[in-house]
């Protein structure tokens, strides 16, 4: 019996570029969702690296556990720099903000 070959993996970036090329509005929504998810992940990772529960971090930054849960949600888009600074201080991290050129999709 012949062994089945696994399909090869492909880089999704060229596919996404192709799909988004003709729709700048959709492209902007995808980019916003990517950044929002990235910030949520950073909050989650900082909290875990500090060995804190959501409630413990909330106590340190003067908010509630539900706010921390919201900040760690990838569909929450209300992150503020002031709150991120408080979280960074409480977890022993520093904030670095950068503006980078957007990738061009021709």
C-alpha atoms as a PDB file:
ATOM      1  CA  UNK A   1       0.000   0.000   0.000  1.00  0.00           C
ATOM      2  CA  UNK A   2       1.336   3.420  -0.977  1.00  0.00           C
ATOM      3  CA  UNK A   3       1.929   5.908   1.825  1.00  0.00           C
ATOM      4  CA  UNK A   4      -0.050   9.148   1.506  1.00  0.00           C
ATOM      5  CA  UNK A   5       2.004  12.283   1.312  1.00  0.00           C
ATOM      6  CA  UNK A   6       1.198  15.163   3.602  1.00  0.00           C
ATOM      7  CA  UNK A   7       0.244  18.371   1.859  1.00  0.00           C
ATOM      8  CA  UNK A   8       2.963  20.985   2.086  1.00  0.00           C
ATOM      9  CA  UNK A   9       2.420  24.067   4.174  1.00  0.00           C
ATOM     10  CA  UNK A  10       2.392  27.447   2.451  1.00  0.00           C
ATOM     11  CA  UNK A  11       3.145  30.904   3.713  1.00  0.00           C
ATOM     12  CA  UNK A  12      -0.207  32.618   4.255  1.00  0.00           C
ATOM     13  CA  UNK A  13       1.108  36.149   3.674  1.00  0.00           C
ATOM     14  CA  UNK A  14       1.078  35.982  -0.145  1.00  0.00           C
ATOM     15  CA  UNK A  15      -2.430  34.522  -0.038  1.00  0.00           C
ATOM     16  CA  UNK A  16      -3.657  37.239   2.314  1.00  0.00           C
ATOM     17  CA  UNK A  17      -2.019  39.911   0.159  1.00  0.00           C
ATOM     18  CA  UNK A  18      -3.848  38.523  -2.859  1.00  0.00           C
ATOM     19  CA  UNK A  19      -7.199  38.458  -1.063  1.00  0.00           C
ATOM     20  CA  UNK A  20      -6.821  41.926   0.422  1.00  0.00           C
ATOM     21  CA  UNK A  21      -5.227  43.658  -2.559  1.00  0.00           C
ATOM     22  CA  UNK A  22      -8.469  44.949  -4.024  1.00  0.00           C
ATOM     23  CA  UNK A  23     -10.230  45.912  -0.793  1.00  0.00           C
ATOM     24  CA  UNK A  24      -8.447  48.608   1.241  1.00  0.00           C
ATOM     25  CA  UNK A  25     -11.311  48.856   3.742  1.00  0.00           C
ATOM     26  CA  UNK A  26     -11.199  45.144   4.515  1.00  0.00           C
ATOM     27  CA  UNK A  27      -7.392  45.286   4.637  1.00  0.00           C
ATOM     28  CA  UNK A  28      -7.619  48.051   7.281  1.00  0.00           C
ATOM     29  CA  UNK A  29     -10.022  45.946   9.360  1.00  0.00           C
ATOM     30  CA  UNK A  30      -7.704  42.946   9.206  1.00  0.00           C
ATOM     31  CA  UNK A  31      -4.733  45.082  10.279  1.00  0.00           C
ATOM     32  CA  UNK A  32      -6.713  46.560  13.173  1.00  0.00           C
ATOM     33  CA  UNK A  33      -7.728  43.075  14.327  1.00  0.00           C
ATOM     34  CA  UNK A  34      -4.110  41.909  14.098  1.00  0.00           C
ATOM     35  CA  UNK A  35      -2.856  44.783  16.265  1.00  0.00           C
ATOM     36  CA  UNK A  36      -5.681  44.342  18.789  1.00  0.00           C
ATOM     37  CA  UNK A  37      -4.921  40.633  19.119  1.00  0.00           C
ATOM     38  CA  UNK A  38      -1.220  41.377  19.477  1.00  0.00           C
ATOM     39  CA  UNK A  39      -1.821  43.829  22.346  1.00  0.00           C
ATOM     40  CA  UNK A  40      -4.124  41.357  24.097  1.00  0.00           C
ATOM     41  CA  UNK A  41      -1.469  38.664  23.788  1.00  0.00           C
ATOM     42  CA  UNK A  42       1.207  40.982  25.218  1.00  0.00           C
ATOM     43  CA  UNK A  43      -0.955  41.730  28.272  1.00  0.00           C
ATOM     44  CA  UNK A  44      -1.591  38.010  28.786  1.00  0.00           C
ATOM     45  CA  UNK A  45       2.091  37.104  28.399  1.00  0.00           C
ATOM     46  CA  UNK A  46       3.273  39.885  30.745  1.00  0.00           C
ATOM     47  CA  UNK A  47       0.805  38.753  33.420  1.00  0.00           C
ATOM     48  CA  UNK A  48       1.888  35.133  33.096  1.00  0.00           C
ATOM     49  CA  UNK A  49       5.581  36.037  33.121  1.00  0.00           C
ATOM     50  CA  UNK A  50       4.993  37.917  36.378  1.00  0.00           C
ATOM     51  CA  UNK A  51       3.185  34.895  37.835  1.00  0.00           C
ATOM     52  CA  UNK A  52      -0.002  36.838  38.486  1.00  0.00           C
ATOM     53  CA  UNK A  53      -3.652  35.931  38.256  1.00  0.00           C
ATOM     54  CA  UNK A  54      -6.025  38.348  36.578  1.00  0.00           C
ATOM     55  CA  UNK A  55      -7.324  39.374  40.004  1.00  0.00           C
ATOM     56  CA  UNK A  56      -3.821  39.982  41.365  1.00  0.00           C
ATOM     57  CA  UNK A  57      -2.881  42.126  38.375  1.00  0.00           C
ATOM     58  CA  UNK A  58      -6.153  44.016  38.672  1.00  0.00           C
ATOM     59  CA  UNK A  59      -5.408  44.801  42.323  1.00  0.00           C
ATOM     60  CA  UNK A  60      -1.937  46.055  41.406  1.00  0.00           C
ATOM     61  CA  UNK A  61      -3.191  48.390  38.684  1.00  0.00           C
ATOM     62  CA  UNK A  62      -6.334  49.547  40.496  1.00  0.00           C
ATOM     63  CA  UNK A  63      -9.030  47.906  38.407  1.00  0.00           C
ATOM     64  CA  UNK A  64     -11.158  44.759  38.413  1.00  0.00           C
ATOM     65  CA  UNK A  65     -10.498  41.221  37.226  1.00  0.00           C
ATOM     66  CA  UNK A  66     -13.123  41.613  34.509  1.00  0.00           C
ATOM     67  CA  UNK A  67     -11.236  44.582  33.043  1.00  0.00           C
ATOM     68  CA  UNK A  68      -8.047  42.503  32.864  1.00  0.00           C
ATOM     69  CA  UNK A  69      -9.996  39.685  31.206  1.00  0.00           C
ATOM     70  CA  UNK A  70     -11.332  42.176  28.659  1.00  0.00           C
ATOM     71  CA  UNK A  71      -7.822  43.534  27.989  1.00  0.00           C
ATOM     72  CA  UNK A  72      -6.641  39.981  27.301  1.00  0.00           C
ATOM     73  CA  UNK A  73      -9.466  39.358  24.835  1.00  0.00           C
ATOM     74  CA  UNK A  74      -8.435  39.540  21.191  1.00  0.00           C
ATOM     75  CA  UNK A  75     -11.681  41.223  20.196  1.00  0.00           C
ATOM     76  CA  UNK A  76     -11.407  44.112  22.687  1.00  0.00           C
ATOM     77  CA  UNK A  77     -10.323  47.346  21.042  1.00  0.00           C
ATOM     78  CA  UNK A  78     -10.321  49.756  23.993  1.00  0.00           C
ATOM     79  CA  UNK A  79      -6.693  49.422  25.072  1.00  0.00           C
ATOM     80  CA  UNK A  80      -5.258  52.667  26.391  1.00  0.00           C
ATOM     81  CA  UNK A  81      -1.619  53.568  26.649  1.00  0.00           C
ATOM     82  CA  UNK A  82      -2.158  54.672  30.263  1.00  0.00           C
ATOM     83  CA  UNK A  83      -3.530  51.243  31.257  1.00  0.00           C
ATOM     84  CA  UNK A  84      -0.812  49.426  29.324  1.00  0.00           C
ATOM     85  CA  UNK A  85       1.781  51.526  31.172  1.00  0.00           C
ATOM     86  CA  UNK A  86       0.250  50.532  34.540  1.00  0.00           C
ATOM     87  CA  UNK A  87       0.264  46.867  33.522  1.00  0.00           C
ATOM     88  CA  UNK A  88       3.875  47.112  32.352  1.00  0.00           C
ATOM     89  CA  UNK A  89       4.903  48.713  35.646  1.00  0.00           C
ATOM     90  CA  UNK A  90       3.070  46.058  37.682  1.00  0.00           C
ATOM     91  CA  UNK A  91       4.587  43.168  35.730  1.00  0.00           C
ATOM     92  CA  UNK A  92       8.146  44.478  35.483  1.00  0.00           C
ATOM     93  CA  UNK A  93       8.070  45.353  31.803  1.00  0.00           C
ATOM     94  CA  UNK A  94       8.639  48.543  29.842  1.00  0.00           C
ATOM     95  CA  UNK A  95       6.526  49.768  26.958  1.00  0.00           C
ATOM     96  CA  UNK A  96       8.072  50.350  23.574  1.00  0.00           C
ATOM     97  CA  UNK A  97       5.989  52.060  20.899  1.00  0.00           C
ATOM     98  CA  UNK A  98       7.099  52.095  17.280  1.00  0.00           C
ATOM     99  CA  UNK A  99       5.678  53.338  14.022  1.00  0.00           C
ATOM    100  CA  UNK A 100       6.775  51.249  11.070  1.00  0.00           C
ATOM    101  CA  UNK A 101       6.088  51.631   7.364  1.00  0.00           C
ATOM    102  CA  UNK A 102       3.162  49.602   6.121  1.00  0.00           C
ATOM    103  CA  UNK A 103       3.806  46.787   3.732  1.00  0.00           C
ATOM    104  CA  UNK A 104       2.783  47.791   0.262  1.00  0.00           C
ATOM    105  CA  UNK A 105       0.384  45.544  -1.569  1.00  0.00           C
ATOM    106  CA  UNK A 106       0.424  46.419  -5.231  1.00  0.00           C
END
